[in-house]
Amino acid sequence: MEERNERSIAHGTGHKLVILNRENIEITGVTDIVSFDADEVYLETVQGMLTIQGENMHVSRLALDSGVVMASGTVTAVTYSNNKTVNAGSIFSRLFK
């Protein structure tokens, strides 16, 4: 079962969230970054919406073609939800209007 999950993550159809020492974050299965600032990163993943709250948050790597996002900062909370609550569109749709 675990091998199948690792294969789906490697092929971009799964989702993984790794937080090391509450500071370094690696996320796979990301389909869009809805918004981010120094206090919060709000992402759409294949498993639903993901909010990571913290201090001094910084997105250091963004590769939506492979669904990988890496970030750093002091993580204070992680929340999943099934619905989008921000209607302003993704950061990319706002940048490329």
Protein backbone atom coordinates (compact mmCIF):
# COMPACT_ATOMS: atom_id res chain seq x y z
CA MET A 1 0.00 0.00 0.00
CA GLU A 2 2.76 2.45 0.93
CA GLU A 3 4.62 1.71 -2.31
CA ARG A 4 1.49 2.57 -4.31
CA ASN A 5 1.17 5.89 -2.43
CA GLU A 6 4.82 6.74 -3.14
CA ARG A 7 4.29 5.96 -6.84
CA SER A 8 1.22 8.22 -7.06
CA ILE A 9 3.12 11.05 -5.35
CA ALA A 10 6.04 10.61 -7.74
CA HIS A 11 3.68 10.77 -10.73
CA GLY A 12 1.96 13.93 -9.52
CA THR A 13 -1.38 12.37 -8.61
CA GLY A 14 -0.82 12.15 -4.85
CA HIS A 15 -0.25 14.64 -2.07
CA LYS A 16 2.48 14.80 0.56
CA LEU A 17 3.16 17.40 3.25
CA VAL A 18 6.48 17.30 5.08
CA ILE A 19 7.37 19.81 7.79
CA LEU A 20 10.86 19.58 9.25
CA ASN A 21 11.42 21.21 12.65
CA ARG A 22 8.37 23.46 12.09
CA GLU A 23 10.50 25.51 9.66
CA ASN A 24 11.07 23.78 6.31
CA ILE A 25 8.03 22.69 4.30
CA GLU A 26 7.78 20.48 1.22
CA ILE A 27 4.39 19.96 -0.41
CA THR A 28 3.54 17.80 -3.41
CA GLY A 29 0.24 17.49 -5.21
CA VAL A 30 -0.21 21.28 -5.41
CA THR A 31 -2.44 22.45 -8.25
CA ASP A 32 -2.47 26.19 -7.50
CA ILE A 33 -1.22 28.81 -5.06
CA VAL A 34 -4.21 30.92 -4.15
CA SER A 35 -2.30 33.45 -2.03
CA PHE A 36 0.69 33.85 0.20
CA ASP A 37 2.29 36.43 2.44
CA ALA A 38 4.58 36.47 5.48
CA ASP A 39 1.81 35.08 7.72
CA GLU A 40 0.04 32.51 5.53
CA VAL A 41 0.36 30.27 2.48
CA TYR A 42 -2.98 29.22 0.94
CA LEU A 43 -2.76 26.37 -1.60
CA GLU A 44 -5.06 24.20 -3.64
CA THR A 45 -3.94 20.55 -3.58
CA VAL A 46 -5.31 17.35 -5.05
CA GLN A 47 -6.65 16.61 -1.54
CA GLY A 48 -8.37 19.97 -0.99
CA MET A 49 -7.43 23.44 0.17
CA LEU A 50 -4.41 23.74 2.46
CA THR A 51 -3.64 26.71 4.69
CA ILE A 52 -0.26 26.97 6.39
CA GLN A 53 -0.04 29.75 8.95
CA GLY A 54 3.14 30.99 10.52
CA GLU A 55 5.68 33.73 10.88
CA ASN A 56 8.13 34.94 8.23
CA MET A 57 6.68 32.54 5.66
CA HIS A 58 8.57 32.45 2.36
CA VAL A 59 7.90 30.35 -0.75
CA SER A 60 11.35 29.28 -1.94
CA ARG A 61 10.41 26.90 -4.75
CA LEU A 62 7.35 26.77 -6.94
CA ALA A 63 6.95 24.19 -9.68
CA LEU A 64 3.27 23.84 -10.50
CA ASP A 65 4.03 21.69 -13.54
CA SER A 66 5.25 18.99 -11.13
CA GLY A 67 3.01 20.11 -8.23
CA VAL A 68 5.87 20.87 -5.84
CA VAL A 69 6.09 23.82 -3.47
CA MET A 70 8.81 24.41 -0.90
CA ALA A 71 8.51 27.04 1.78
CA SER A 72 10.16 28.12 4.99
CA GLY A 73 9.22 30.05 8.10
CA THR A 74 7.95 29.21 11.58
CA VAL A 75 4.81 27.07 11.16
CA THR A 76 2.08 27.72 13.73
CA ALA A 77 -0.91 25.94 12.14
CA VAL A 78 -1.86 23.67 9.24
CA THR A 79 -5.48 23.40 8.11
CA TYR A 80 -7.18 21.43 5.34
CA SER A 81 -10.61 22.29 3.97
CA ASN A 82 -12.74 21.07 1.07
CA ASN A 83 -13.91 24.44 -0.24
CA LYS A 84 -12.19 27.51 -1.62
CA THR A 85 -12.95 30.51 0.55
CA VAL A 86 -10.96 33.08 -1.40
CA ASN A 87 -12.78 34.16 -4.57
CA ALA A 88 -10.13 36.54 -5.85
CA GLY A 89 -8.53 33.84 -8.01
CA SER A 90 -5.05 32.45 -7.84
CA ILE A 91 -1.99 34.61 -7.52
CA PHE A 92 -1.06 33.68 -11.09
CA SER A 93 -4.42 34.65 -12.56
CA ARG A 94 -4.15 38.03 -10.84
CA LEU A 95 -0.58 38.56 -12.05
CA PHE A 96 -1.30 37.69 -15.67
CA LYS A 97 -4.55 39.60 -16.23
